[in-house]
Amino acid sequence: MGKTSARWWVVLGLLLLSGCAHRATARVDNSDQPYRIGREDVLDVAVWRDADLSRTLPVRPDGFISLPMVGEVKAEGRTPNELADEIREALKPYVQEPRVTVIVREVNSSRVFITGEVTHPGAYPLRGRVSILQAIALAGGFTDFADRDAIVVLRRSAAKQANTAQGSGTGGSGDMEGASQGDYISVSYRDLVEEPQKYEPLILRPGDTIIVP
């Protein structure tokens, strides 16, 4: 590859990453699946006309929350409505016709981790559908020493289980399952640039880790 061609690839890559940086938080998640509560999310649990039973509290690392009279309740993997229904049933022996509402105040469980040769490695929140290129853009792009054609996405078993609970399934649009037989996906930046339509379904999931060697 000549110097002119190499410069063209660098310029094209920078333009793509720059564009992704502006679009990553603006893309809309077209999934019709309801949000499933995760660990470290902060919930508003409101019991109508009973301030003593209402709480704002985080989901513990074990996936449970604690409420007066109700005790321990598993919140992880449930929708706000499902959790509200369970709390309502648990309160019926103590409160006449309880009306319970659960609102997710802070979404802290949906994160992707980016490490290695990027400008700002760390944990980043997932806001809707985010691709690998967009996530790298959020981390400030590649460093000068990055091996762009040896990117690896690690998908832990816990992340798979969480998405199964969310009803995401496997093999559909927006799913990286099938790109690899194991818990990791090998990705070439050059392939992402040259064949964007082919890699459009490669959407990150909560708990994924991107490694740029």
N, C-alpha and C. Protein backbone atom coordinates (compact mmCIF):
# COMPACT_ATOMS: atom_id res chain seq x y z
N MET A 1 0.85 -1.20 0.00
CA MET A 1 0.00 0.00 0.00
C MET A 1 0.88 1.24 0.00
N GLY A 2 0.63 2.18 -0.93
CA GLY A 2 1.44 3.38 -1.03
C GLY A 2 1.12 4.38 0.04
N LYS A 3 1.95 5.44 0.11
CA LYS A 3 1.75 6.46 1.13
C LYS A 3 0.41 7.18 0.95
N THR A 4 0.04 7.46 -0.33
CA THR A 4 -1.22 8.16 -0.59
C THR A 4 -2.41 7.34 -0.12
N SER A 5 -2.37 6.03 -0.42
CA SER A 5 -3.46 5.15 0.00
C SER A 5 -3.54 5.07 1.51
N ALA A 6 -2.37 4.99 2.16
CA ALA A 6 -2.35 4.90 3.63
C ALA A 6 -2.95 6.16 4.25
N ARG A 7 -2.58 7.33 3.69
CA ARG A 7 -3.14 8.58 4.21
C ARG A 7 -4.66 8.61 4.04
N TRP A 8 -5.13 8.08 2.90
CA TRP A 8 -6.57 8.07 2.64
C TRP A 8 -7.31 7.26 3.70
N TRP A 9 -6.74 6.11 4.09
CA TRP A 9 -7.37 5.28 5.11
C TRP A 9 -7.41 6.00 6.45
N VAL A 10 -6.33 6.69 6.78
CA VAL A 10 -6.29 7.41 8.06
C VAL A 10 -7.35 8.50 8.09
N VAL A 11 -7.44 9.28 6.99
CA VAL A 11 -8.42 10.36 6.93
C VAL A 11 -9.83 9.81 7.00
N LEU A 12 -10.10 8.73 6.24
CA LEU A 12 -11.43 8.13 6.26
C LEU A 12 -11.79 7.64 7.65
N GLY A 13 -10.84 7.00 8.32
CA GLY A 13 -11.10 6.50 9.66
C GLY A 13 -11.42 7.61 10.63
N LEU A 14 -10.67 8.72 10.56
CA LEU A 14 -10.92 9.85 11.45
C LEU A 14 -12.29 10.47 11.19
N LEU A 15 -12.68 10.56 9.92
CA LEU A 15 -13.98 11.12 9.60
C LEU A 15 -15.10 10.24 10.13
N LEU A 16 -14.93 8.92 9.98
CA LEU A 16 -15.96 8.01 10.48
C LEU A 16 -16.09 8.10 11.98
N LEU A 17 -14.96 8.09 12.68
CA LEU A 17 -15.00 8.17 14.13
C LEU A 17 -15.57 9.49 14.60
N SER A 18 -15.23 10.57 13.90
CA SER A 18 -15.77 11.88 14.26
C SER A 18 -17.28 11.90 14.11
N GLY A 19 -17.77 11.33 13.00
CA GLY A 19 -19.22 11.30 12.79
C GLY A 19 -19.91 10.44 13.81
N CYS A 20 -19.30 9.30 14.16
CA CYS A 20 -19.90 8.42 15.15
C CYS A 20 -19.99 9.08 16.50
N ALA A 21 -19.01 9.91 16.83
CA ALA A 21 -19.00 10.55 18.14
C ALA A 21 -20.22 11.43 18.31
N HIS A 22 -20.72 12.01 17.21
CA HIS A 22 -21.89 12.87 17.31
C HIS A 22 -23.18 12.08 17.28
N ARG A 23 -23.16 10.88 16.66
CA ARG A 23 -24.39 10.13 16.51
C ARG A 23 -24.62 9.12 17.61
N ALA A 24 -23.59 8.77 18.38
CA ALA A 24 -23.71 7.64 19.31
C ALA A 24 -24.81 7.85 20.33
N THR A 25 -24.97 9.07 20.85
CA THR A 25 -25.98 9.30 21.86
C THR A 25 -27.31 9.72 21.24
N ALA A 26 -27.33 9.94 19.93
CA ALA A 26 -28.55 10.42 19.29
C ALA A 26 -29.35 9.31 18.64
N ARG A 27 -28.73 8.14 18.40
CA ARG A 27 -29.44 7.07 17.74
C ARG A 27 -30.55 6.53 18.63
N VAL A 28 -31.65 6.20 18.02
CA VAL A 28 -32.81 5.72 18.77
C VAL A 28 -32.81 4.20 18.77
N ASP A 29 -33.06 3.62 19.93
CA ASP A 29 -33.18 2.18 20.03
C ASP A 29 -34.57 1.78 19.54
N ASN A 30 -34.60 1.05 18.42
CA ASN A 30 -35.87 0.67 17.84
C ASN A 30 -36.45 -0.60 18.45
N SER A 31 -35.76 -1.16 19.44
CA SER A 31 -36.25 -2.37 20.07
C SER A 31 -37.56 -2.09 20.79
N ASP A 32 -38.51 -3.05 20.66
CA ASP A 32 -39.79 -2.89 21.33
C ASP A 32 -39.81 -3.62 22.66
N GLN A 33 -38.65 -4.11 23.10
CA GLN A 33 -38.57 -4.82 24.36
C GLN A 33 -38.58 -3.83 25.52
N PRO A 34 -39.35 -4.09 26.58
CA PRO A 34 -39.35 -3.18 27.74
C PRO A 34 -38.02 -3.24 28.47
N TYR A 35 -37.70 -2.16 29.15
CA TYR A 35 -36.43 -2.11 29.87
C TYR A 35 -36.47 -3.06 31.07
N ARG A 36 -35.39 -3.80 31.25
CA ARG A 36 -35.23 -4.71 32.38
C ARG A 36 -34.27 -4.10 33.38
N ILE A 37 -34.67 -4.08 34.62
CA ILE A 37 -33.86 -3.48 35.68
C ILE A 37 -32.58 -4.27 35.86
N GLY A 38 -31.49 -3.55 36.12
CA GLY A 38 -30.20 -4.20 36.33
C GLY A 38 -29.57 -3.76 37.64
N ARG A 39 -28.48 -4.40 37.98
CA ARG A 39 -27.76 -4.08 39.21
C ARG A 39 -27.22 -2.65 39.14
N GLU A 40 -27.28 -1.96 40.27
CA GLU A 40 -26.81 -0.59 40.44
C GLU A 40 -27.76 0.45 39.84
N ASP A 41 -28.84 0.02 39.19
CA ASP A 41 -29.86 0.99 38.80
C ASP A 41 -30.48 1.59 40.06
N VAL A 42 -30.93 2.84 39.96
CA VAL A 42 -31.58 3.51 41.09
C VAL A 42 -33.08 3.59 40.80
N LEU A 43 -33.89 3.12 41.75
CA LEU A 43 -35.33 3.02 41.55
C LEU A 43 -36.09 3.96 42.48
N ASP A 44 -37.17 4.52 41.97
CA ASP A 44 -38.17 5.21 42.79
C ASP A 44 -39.34 4.26 42.98
N VAL A 45 -39.53 3.80 44.21
CA VAL A 45 -40.67 2.94 44.54
C VAL A 45 -41.67 3.79 45.32
N ALA A 46 -42.80 4.07 44.70
CA ALA A 46 -43.80 4.95 45.30
C ALA A 46 -45.06 4.17 45.64
N VAL A 47 -45.45 4.24 46.91
CA VAL A 47 -46.72 3.65 47.36
C VAL A 47 -47.68 4.81 47.60
N TRP A 48 -48.77 4.82 46.86
CA TRP A 48 -49.69 5.95 46.89
C TRP A 48 -50.21 6.22 48.29
N ARG A 49 -50.08 7.47 48.72
CA ARG A 49 -50.55 7.95 50.01
C ARG A 49 -49.87 7.25 51.18
N ASP A 50 -48.64 6.82 50.97
CA ASP A 50 -47.88 6.21 52.07
C ASP A 50 -46.40 6.54 51.90
N ALA A 51 -46.03 7.70 52.41
CA ALA A 51 -44.64 8.16 52.26
C ALA A 51 -43.66 7.27 53.02
N ASP A 52 -44.13 6.63 54.10
CA ASP A 52 -43.24 5.79 54.90
C ASP A 52 -42.79 4.54 54.14
N LEU A 53 -43.62 4.07 53.22
CA LEU A 53 -43.27 2.88 52.45
C LEU A 53 -42.59 3.22 51.13
N SER A 54 -42.66 4.46 50.72
CA SER A 54 -42.04 4.87 49.46
C SER A 54 -40.54 5.06 49.66
N ARG A 55 -39.77 4.70 48.65
CA ARG A 55 -38.32 4.75 48.77
C ARG A 55 -37.67 5.08 47.43
N THR A 56 -36.50 5.73 47.51
CA THR A 56 -35.58 5.81 46.38
C THR A 56 -34.34 5.03 46.78
N LEU A 57 -34.04 3.98 46.04
CA LEU A 57 -32.97 3.09 46.48
C LEU A 57 -32.31 2.40 45.29
N PRO A 58 -31.03 2.04 45.45
CA PRO A 58 -30.32 1.35 44.37
C PRO A 58 -30.56 -0.15 44.42
N VAL A 59 -30.43 -0.78 43.28
CA VAL A 59 -30.45 -2.24 43.23
C VAL A 59 -29.07 -2.73 43.69
N ARG A 60 -29.07 -3.61 44.66
CA ARG A 60 -27.80 -4.08 45.23
C ARG A 60 -27.04 -4.95 44.23
N PRO A 61 -25.75 -5.19 44.50
CA PRO A 61 -24.95 -6.06 43.61
C PRO A 61 -25.51 -7.47 43.46
N ASP A 62 -26.34 -7.92 44.43
CA ASP A 62 -26.94 -9.25 44.30
C ASP A 62 -28.26 -9.22 43.54
N GLY A 63 -28.67 -8.02 43.08
CA GLY A 63 -29.88 -7.90 42.28
C GLY A 63 -31.15 -7.68 43.07
N PHE A 64 -31.05 -7.53 44.41
CA PHE A 64 -32.22 -7.37 45.26
C PHE A 64 -32.34 -5.94 45.78
N ILE A 65 -33.56 -5.60 46.23
CA ILE A 65 -33.80 -4.38 46.98
C ILE A 65 -34.51 -4.76 48.27
N SER A 66 -34.46 -3.87 49.26
CA SER A 66 -35.12 -4.12 50.55
C SER A 66 -36.14 -3.02 50.81
N LEU A 67 -37.36 -3.44 51.19
CA LEU A 67 -38.43 -2.49 51.45
C LEU A 67 -39.11 -2.81 52.78
N PRO A 68 -39.62 -1.79 53.48
CA PRO A 68 -40.35 -2.03 54.72
C PRO A 68 -41.56 -2.94 54.47
N MET A 69 -41.79 -3.87 55.39
CA MET A 69 -42.90 -4.82 55.35
C MET A 69 -42.71 -5.89 54.27
N VAL A 70 -42.18 -5.49 53.14
CA VAL A 70 -42.02 -6.43 52.02
C VAL A 70 -40.77 -7.29 52.21
N GLY A 71 -39.69 -6.67 52.68
CA GLY A 71 -38.43 -7.38 52.84
C GLY A 71 -37.63 -7.41 51.56
N GLU A 72 -36.97 -8.54 51.30
CA GLU A 72 -36.10 -8.68 50.13
C GLU A 72 -36.93 -8.98 48.88
N VAL A 73 -36.66 -8.22 47.82
CA VAL A 73 -37.36 -8.43 46.55
C VAL A 73 -36.33 -8.43 45.43
N LYS A 74 -36.41 -9.42 44.56
CA LYS A 74 -35.48 -9.46 43.43
C LYS A 74 -35.95 -8.47 42.37
N ALA A 75 -35.08 -7.51 42.03
CA ALA A 75 -35.41 -6.49 41.04
C ALA A 75 -34.73 -6.75 39.70
N GLU A 76 -33.54 -7.32 39.74
CA GLU A 76 -32.77 -7.53 38.52
C GLU A 76 -33.52 -8.43 37.54
N GLY A 77 -33.53 -8.02 36.28
CA GLY A 77 -34.16 -8.82 35.23
C GLY A 77 -35.64 -8.59 35.05
N ARG A 78 -36.24 -7.75 35.89
CA ARG A 78 -37.67 -7.49 35.79
C ARG A 78 -37.93 -6.11 35.22
N THR A 79 -39.10 -5.95 34.62
CA THR A 79 -39.50 -4.62 34.17
C THR A 79 -40.03 -3.85 35.38
N PRO A 80 -40.08 -2.53 35.31
CA PRO A 80 -40.65 -1.76 36.43
C PRO A 80 -42.07 -2.19 36.77
N ASN A 81 -42.88 -2.50 35.76
CA ASN A 81 -44.26 -2.93 36.03
C ASN A 81 -44.31 -4.28 36.74
N GLU A 82 -43.43 -5.19 36.32
CA GLU A 82 -43.40 -6.51 36.98
C GLU A 82 -43.00 -6.37 38.45
N LEU A 83 -42.00 -5.53 38.70
CA LEU A 83 -41.57 -5.32 40.08
C LEU A 83 -42.67 -4.66 40.90
N ALA A 84 -43.35 -3.68 40.31
CA ALA A 84 -44.44 -3.00 41.02
C ALA A 84 -45.55 -3.99 41.37
N ASP A 85 -45.85 -4.92 40.46
CA ASP A 85 -46.90 -5.91 40.73
C ASP A 85 -46.52 -6.81 41.91
N GLU A 86 -45.25 -7.22 41.97
CA GLU A 86 -44.83 -8.09 43.07
C GLU A 86 -44.89 -7.35 44.41
N ILE A 87 -44.42 -6.11 44.41
CA ILE A 87 -44.47 -5.32 45.65
C ILE A 87 -45.92 -5.10 46.08
N ARG A 88 -46.78 -4.85 45.11
CA ARG A 88 -48.21 -4.65 45.42
C ARG A 88 -48.80 -5.89 46.09
N GLU A 89 -48.50 -7.07 45.55
CA GLU A 89 -49.02 -8.31 46.13
C GLU A 89 -48.47 -8.53 47.54
N ALA A 90 -47.19 -8.20 47.73
CA ALA A 90 -46.58 -8.40 49.05
C ALA A 90 -47.14 -7.44 50.10
N LEU A 91 -47.65 -6.29 49.67
CA LEU A 91 -48.19 -5.30 50.61
C LEU A 91 -49.65 -5.53 50.96
N LYS A 92 -50.34 -6.36 50.21
CA LYS A 92 -51.78 -6.53 50.43
C LYS A 92 -52.16 -6.97 51.84
N PRO A 93 -51.36 -7.81 52.51
CA PRO A 93 -51.73 -8.17 53.89
C PRO A 93 -51.64 -6.99 54.87
N TYR A 94 -50.92 -5.93 54.48
CA TYR A 94 -50.68 -4.82 55.40
C TYR A 94 -51.36 -3.52 54.98
N VAL A 95 -51.58 -3.36 53.67
CA VAL A 95 -52.13 -2.11 53.14
C VAL A 95 -53.37 -2.44 52.31
N GLN A 96 -54.44 -1.71 52.55
CA GLN A 96 -55.67 -1.94 51.79
C GLN A 96 -55.55 -1.37 50.38
N GLU A 97 -55.71 -2.23 49.40
CA GLU A 97 -55.64 -1.86 47.99
C GLU A 97 -54.41 -0.98 47.69
N PRO A 98 -53.22 -1.52 47.91
CA PRO A 98 -52.02 -0.71 47.65
C PRO A 98 -51.84 -0.40 46.17
N ARG A 99 -51.40 0.80 45.90
CA ARG A 99 -51.10 1.23 44.53
C ARG A 99 -49.61 1.56 44.48
N VAL A 100 -48.88 0.80 43.69
CA VAL A 100 -47.42 0.90 43.67
C VAL A 100 -46.95 1.27 42.27
N THR A 101 -46.00 2.19 42.23
CA THR A 101 -45.37 2.58 40.97
C THR A 101 -43.85 2.47 41.13
N VAL A 102 -43.20 1.89 40.13
CA VAL A 102 -41.74 1.79 40.13
C VAL A 102 -41.21 2.53 38.91
N ILE A 103 -40.30 3.47 39.15
CA ILE A 103 -39.68 4.25 38.08
C ILE A 103 -38.17 4.09 38.18
N VAL A 104 -37.52 3.88 37.05
CA VAL A 104 -36.06 3.80 37.03
C VAL A 104 -35.52 5.22 36.96
N ARG A 105 -34.96 5.68 38.07
CA ARG A 105 -34.44 7.05 38.13
C ARG A 105 -33.09 7.15 37.43
N GLU A 106 -32.22 6.17 37.66
CA GLU A 106 -30.89 6.18 37.05
C GLU A 106 -30.59 4.81 36.46
N VAL A 107 -30.15 4.80 35.21
CA VAL A 107 -29.75 3.56 34.55
C VAL A 107 -28.24 3.44 34.66
N ASN A 108 -27.78 2.57 35.54
CA ASN A 108 -26.34 2.39 35.76
C ASN A 108 -25.84 1.01 35.34
N SER A 109 -26.76 0.11 35.02
CA SER A 109 -26.35 -1.26 34.73
C SER A 109 -25.96 -1.47 33.27
N SER A 110 -26.48 -0.64 32.36
CA SER A 110 -26.19 -0.81 30.93
C SER A 110 -24.92 -0.06 30.57
N ARG A 111 -23.80 -0.77 30.68
CA ARG A 111 -22.51 -0.15 30.38
C ARG A 111 -21.68 -1.07 29.50
N VAL A 112 -20.79 -0.46 28.74
CA VAL A 112 -19.82 -1.21 27.96
C VAL A 112 -18.44 -0.74 28.39
N PHE A 113 -17.48 -1.64 28.37
CA PHE A 113 -16.13 -1.34 28.85
C PHE A 113 -15.16 -1.35 27.68
N ILE A 114 -14.32 -0.31 27.61
CA ILE A 114 -13.37 -0.17 26.51
C ILE A 114 -11.97 -0.03 27.11
N THR A 115 -11.07 -0.90 26.70
CA THR A 115 -9.73 -0.89 27.27
C THR A 115 -8.70 -1.07 26.17
N GLY A 116 -7.45 -0.79 26.52
CA GLY A 116 -6.37 -0.94 25.55
C GLY A 116 -5.98 0.38 24.92
N GLU A 117 -5.65 0.33 23.63
CA GLU A 117 -5.09 1.49 22.93
C GLU A 117 -6.18 2.42 22.40
N VAL A 118 -6.95 3.00 23.34
CA VAL A 118 -7.88 4.08 23.02
C VAL A 118 -7.53 5.27 23.90
N THR A 119 -7.98 6.45 23.51
CA THR A 119 -7.57 7.67 24.21
C THR A 119 -8.08 7.71 25.64
N HIS A 120 -9.33 7.30 25.84
CA HIS A 120 -9.93 7.36 27.18
C HIS A 120 -10.57 6.02 27.54
N PRO A 121 -9.77 5.03 27.93
CA PRO A 121 -10.36 3.75 28.31
C PRO A 121 -11.23 3.89 29.56
N GLY A 122 -12.23 3.04 29.66
CA GLY A 122 -13.11 3.09 30.82
C GLY A 122 -14.46 2.50 30.53
N ALA A 123 -15.42 2.77 31.43
CA ALA A 123 -16.79 2.28 31.29
C ALA A 123 -17.66 3.39 30.72
N TYR A 124 -18.50 3.03 29.74
CA TYR A 124 -19.36 4.01 29.09
C TYR A 124 -20.80 3.50 29.08
N PRO A 125 -21.76 4.38 29.37
CA PRO A 125 -23.17 3.95 29.37
C PRO A 125 -23.66 3.69 27.96
N LEU A 126 -24.51 2.69 27.84
CA LEU A 126 -25.15 2.41 26.55
C LEU A 126 -26.44 3.20 26.46
N ARG A 127 -26.54 4.04 25.47
CA ARG A 127 -27.74 4.83 25.23
C ARG A 127 -28.33 4.38 23.91
N GLY A 128 -29.23 3.43 23.96
CA GLY A 128 -29.81 2.90 22.73
C GLY A 128 -28.85 1.94 22.05
N ARG A 129 -28.92 1.88 20.73
CA ARG A 129 -28.11 0.95 19.94
C ARG A 129 -26.77 1.60 19.63
N VAL A 130 -25.70 0.99 20.11
CA VAL A 130 -24.36 1.53 19.92
C VAL A 130 -23.49 0.47 19.26
N SER A 131 -22.82 0.85 18.18
CA SER A 131 -21.96 -0.07 17.46
C SER A 131 -20.55 -0.03 18.04
N ILE A 132 -19.69 -0.92 17.54
CA ILE A 132 -18.30 -0.95 18.00
C ILE A 132 -17.59 0.35 17.65
N LEU A 133 -17.78 0.83 16.43
CA LEU A 133 -17.13 2.08 16.02
C LEU A 133 -17.60 3.25 16.88
N GLN A 134 -18.87 3.29 17.18
CA GLN A 134 -19.39 4.38 18.00
C GLN A 134 -18.81 4.33 19.41
N ALA A 135 -18.68 3.13 19.96
CA ALA A 135 -18.12 2.99 21.30
C ALA A 135 -16.67 3.45 21.33
N ILE A 136 -15.91 3.08 20.31
CA ILE A 136 -14.51 3.51 20.23
C ILE A 136 -14.43 5.03 20.10
N ALA A 137 -15.36 5.60 19.34
CA ALA A 137 -15.40 7.06 19.21
C ALA A 137 -15.68 7.72 20.55
N LEU A 138 -16.59 7.14 21.34
CA LEU A 138 -16.88 7.69 22.66
C LEU A 138 -15.65 7.67 23.56
N ALA A 139 -14.77 6.68 23.33
CA ALA A 139 -13.54 6.57 24.12
C ALA A 139 -12.42 7.43 23.55
N GLY A 140 -12.73 8.29 22.59
CA GLY A 140 -11.73 9.21 22.07
C GLY A 140 -10.97 8.71 20.86
N GLY A 141 -11.33 7.53 20.35
CA GLY A 141 -10.65 6.99 19.18
C GLY A 141 -9.38 6.23 19.54
N PHE A 142 -8.71 5.73 18.51
CA PHE A 142 -7.50 4.94 18.70
C PHE A 142 -6.30 5.80 19.08
N THR A 143 -5.35 5.19 19.77
CA THR A 143 -4.04 5.82 19.95
C THR A 143 -3.18 5.49 18.74
N ASP A 144 -2.01 6.09 18.68
CA ASP A 144 -1.11 5.85 17.55
C ASP A 144 -0.58 4.41 17.51
N PHE A 145 -0.67 3.72 18.64
CA PHE A 145 -0.08 2.38 18.72
C PHE A 145 -1.12 1.27 18.60
N ALA A 146 -2.37 1.61 18.32
CA ALA A 146 -3.44 0.62 18.28
C ALA A 146 -3.29 -0.32 17.08
N ASP A 147 -3.54 -1.59 17.32
CA ASP A 147 -3.62 -2.57 16.24
C ASP A 147 -5.09 -2.65 15.83
N ARG A 148 -5.47 -1.86 14.85
CA ARG A 148 -6.88 -1.67 14.51
C ARG A 148 -7.53 -2.90 13.90
N ASP A 149 -6.73 -3.81 13.42
CA ASP A 149 -7.29 -5.00 12.79
C ASP A 149 -7.30 -6.20 13.73
N ALA A 150 -7.09 -5.96 15.02
CA ALA A 150 -7.10 -7.06 15.99
C ALA A 150 -8.00 -6.73 17.18
N ILE A 151 -9.08 -5.99 16.93
CA ILE A 151 -10.02 -5.64 17.99
C ILE A 151 -10.77 -6.89 18.45
N VAL A 152 -10.97 -6.99 19.75
CA VAL A 152 -11.70 -8.13 20.32
C VAL A 152 -12.83 -7.61 21.19
N VAL A 153 -14.01 -8.20 21.04
CA VAL A 153 -15.14 -7.91 21.91
C VAL A 153 -15.39 -9.13 22.78
N LEU A 154 -15.26 -8.96 24.09
CA LEU A 154 -15.53 -10.04 25.03
C LEU A 154 -16.98 -9.95 25.49
N ARG A 155 -17.65 -11.07 25.47
CA ARG A 155 -19.04 -11.13 25.93
C ARG A 155 -19.12 -12.17 27.04
N ARG A 156 -19.25 -11.69 28.26
CA ARG A 156 -19.26 -12.59 29.41
C ARG A 156 -20.58 -13.36 29.48
N SER A 157 -20.53 -14.50 30.16
CA SER A 157 -21.74 -15.31 30.33
C SER A 157 -22.82 -14.53 31.05
N ALA A 158 -22.42 -13.70 32.02
CA ALA A 158 -23.40 -12.90 32.76
C ALA A 158 -24.14 -11.96 31.83
N ALA A 159 -23.42 -11.41 30.84
CA ALA A 159 -24.07 -10.52 29.89
C ALA A 159 -25.08 -11.28 29.05
N LYS A 160 -24.73 -12.53 28.67
CA LYS A 160 -25.66 -13.33 27.89
C LYS A 160 -26.92 -13.62 28.68
N GLN A 161 -26.74 -13.97 29.96
CA GLN A 161 -27.90 -14.29 30.78
C GLN A 161 -28.78 -13.07 30.97
N ALA A 162 -28.18 -11.92 31.16
CA ALA A 162 -28.97 -10.70 31.35
C ALA A 162 -29.79 -10.39 30.10
N ASN A 163 -29.19 -10.59 28.92
CA ASN A 163 -29.92 -10.29 27.70
C ASN A 163 -30.96 -11.35 27.39
N THR A 164 -30.73 -12.59 27.84
CA THR A 164 -31.76 -13.60 27.70
C THR A 164 -32.98 -13.22 28.53
N ALA A 165 -32.72 -12.70 29.75
CA ALA A 165 -33.82 -12.25 30.61
C ALA A 165 -34.56 -11.09 29.98
N GLN A 166 -33.84 -10.30 29.17
CA GLN A 166 -34.47 -9.16 28.52
C GLN A 166 -35.23 -9.57 27.27
N GLY A 167 -35.16 -10.87 26.93
CA GLY A 167 -35.91 -11.33 25.76
C GLY A 167 -35.26 -10.95 24.46
N SER A 168 -33.93 -10.72 24.48
CA SER A 168 -33.27 -10.29 23.25
C SER A 168 -33.09 -11.43 22.28
N GLY A 169 -32.98 -12.67 22.80
CA GLY A 169 -32.81 -13.81 21.92
C GLY A 169 -31.44 -13.82 21.29
N THR A 170 -31.26 -14.71 20.30
CA THR A 170 -29.99 -14.80 19.60
C THR A 170 -30.23 -14.88 18.12
N GLY A 171 -29.24 -14.38 17.38
CA GLY A 171 -29.25 -14.54 15.95
C GLY A 171 -30.07 -13.51 15.21
N GLY A 172 -30.72 -12.57 15.90
CA GLY A 172 -31.55 -11.59 15.22
C GLY A 172 -30.77 -10.35 14.89
N SER A 173 -31.46 -9.37 14.31
CA SER A 173 -30.83 -8.11 13.99
C SER A 173 -30.36 -7.43 15.25
N GLY A 174 -29.17 -6.83 15.21
CA GLY A 174 -28.62 -6.17 16.38
C GLY A 174 -27.97 -7.14 17.33
N ASP A 175 -27.66 -8.35 16.88
CA ASP A 175 -27.10 -9.38 17.74
C ASP A 175 -25.76 -9.79 17.20
N MET A 176 -24.73 -9.83 18.05
CA MET A 176 -23.42 -10.26 17.61
C MET A 176 -23.25 -11.76 17.75
N GLU A 177 -24.25 -12.45 18.30
CA GLU A 177 -24.16 -13.89 18.43
C GLU A 177 -24.11 -14.50 17.04
N GLY A 178 -23.22 -15.45 16.85
CA GLY A 178 -23.07 -16.05 15.53
C GLY A 178 -21.84 -15.51 14.84
N ALA A 179 -21.36 -14.33 15.25
CA ALA A 179 -20.12 -13.81 14.69
C ALA A 179 -18.94 -14.57 15.25
N SER A 180 -19.14 -15.24 16.37
CA SER A 180 -18.10 -16.03 16.99
C SER A 180 -18.73 -17.20 17.70
N GLN A 181 -18.02 -18.33 17.79
CA GLN A 181 -18.55 -19.49 18.48
C GLN A 181 -18.27 -19.44 19.97
N GLY A 182 -17.42 -18.55 20.42
CA GLY A 182 -17.09 -18.47 21.82
C GLY A 182 -17.64 -17.23 22.46
N ASP A 183 -16.95 -16.78 23.53
CA ASP A 183 -17.38 -15.59 24.25
C ASP A 183 -16.65 -14.35 23.77
N TYR A 184 -16.05 -14.40 22.61
CA TYR A 184 -15.38 -13.23 22.08
C TYR A 184 -15.63 -13.13 20.58
N ILE A 185 -15.54 -11.91 20.08
CA ILE A 185 -15.71 -11.64 18.66
C ILE A 185 -14.48 -10.89 18.18
N SER A 186 -13.81 -11.42 17.18
CA SER A 186 -12.66 -10.74 16.58
C SER A 186 -13.16 -9.82 15.47
N VAL A 187 -12.71 -8.57 15.51
CA VAL A 187 -13.20 -7.56 14.56
C VAL A 187 -12.03 -6.80 13.97
N SER A 188 -12.07 -6.60 12.68
CA SER A 188 -11.07 -5.79 11.99
C SER A 188 -11.66 -4.42 11.68
N TYR A 189 -10.96 -3.37 12.06
CA TYR A 189 -11.42 -2.01 11.78
C TYR A 189 -11.56 -1.79 10.28
N ARG A 190 -10.63 -2.34 9.52
CA ARG A 190 -10.70 -2.18 8.07
C ARG A 190 -11.97 -2.80 7.51
N ASP A 191 -12.36 -3.97 8.04
CA ASP A 191 -13.60 -4.60 7.59
C ASP A 191 -14.81 -3.77 7.98
N LEU A 192 -14.78 -3.18 9.18
CA LEU A 192 -15.89 -2.34 9.61
C LEU A 192 -16.07 -1.15 8.68
N VAL A 193 -14.96 -0.61 8.19
CA VAL A 193 -15.01 0.56 7.31
C VAL A 193 -15.41 0.17 5.89
N GLU A 194 -14.85 -0.93 5.39
CA GLU A 194 -15.09 -1.31 4.00
C GLU A 194 -16.46 -1.95 3.79
N GLU A 195 -16.98 -2.62 4.81
CA GLU A 195 -18.26 -3.31 4.68
C GLU A 195 -19.21 -2.91 5.81
N PRO A 196 -19.59 -1.64 5.89
CA PRO A 196 -20.43 -1.18 7.01
C PRO A 196 -21.78 -1.86 7.06
N GLN A 197 -22.37 -2.19 5.90
CA GLN A 197 -23.67 -2.83 5.91
C GLN A 197 -23.59 -4.24 6.48
N LYS A 198 -22.52 -4.94 6.17
CA LYS A 198 -22.34 -6.29 6.67
C LYS A 198 -22.24 -6.30 8.19
N TYR A 199 -21.62 -5.28 8.76
CA TYR A 199 -21.39 -5.24 10.20
C TYR A 199 -22.40 -4.37 10.94
N GLU A 200 -23.40 -3.88 10.24
CA GLU A 200 -24.42 -3.05 10.88
C GLU A 200 -25.10 -3.75 12.05
N PRO A 201 -25.36 -5.08 11.97
CA PRO A 201 -26.03 -5.74 13.10
C PRO A 201 -25.16 -5.90 14.35
N LEU A 202 -23.87 -5.58 14.26
CA LEU A 202 -23.00 -5.79 15.42
C LEU A 202 -23.24 -4.71 16.47
N ILE A 203 -24.26 -4.91 17.28
CA ILE A 203 -24.64 -3.94 18.30
C ILE A 203 -24.18 -4.45 19.66
N LEU A 204 -23.60 -3.56 20.44
CA LEU A 204 -23.07 -3.94 21.74
C LEU A 204 -24.19 -4.22 22.74
N ARG A 205 -23.87 -5.07 23.71
CA ARG A 205 -24.79 -5.41 24.78
C ARG A 205 -24.21 -4.96 26.11
N PRO A 206 -25.06 -4.76 27.12
CA PRO A 206 -24.53 -4.41 28.44
C PRO A 206 -23.54 -5.46 28.94
N GLY A 207 -22.41 -4.97 29.45
CA GLY A 207 -21.39 -5.88 29.97
C GLY A 207 -20.32 -6.26 28.98
N ASP A 208 -20.49 -5.92 27.69
CA ASP A 208 -19.47 -6.23 26.70
C ASP A 208 -18.19 -5.44 26.99
N THR A 209 -17.05 -6.03 26.66
CA THR A 209 -15.76 -5.36 26.80
C THR A 209 -15.06 -5.33 25.46
N ILE A 210 -14.67 -4.14 25.02
CA ILE A 210 -13.93 -3.97 23.78
C ILE A 210 -12.45 -3.83 24.13
N ILE A 211 -11.62 -4.67 23.54
CA ILE A 211 -10.18 -4.62 23.77
C ILE A 211 -9.50 -4.21 22.47
N VAL A 212 -8.75 -3.12 22.53
CA VAL A 212 -7.98 -2.66 21.38
C VAL A 212 -6.50 -2.85 21.71
N PRO A 213 -5.86 -3.89 21.17
CA PRO A 213 -4.45 -4.16 21.53
C PRO A 213 -3.48 -3.15 20.92
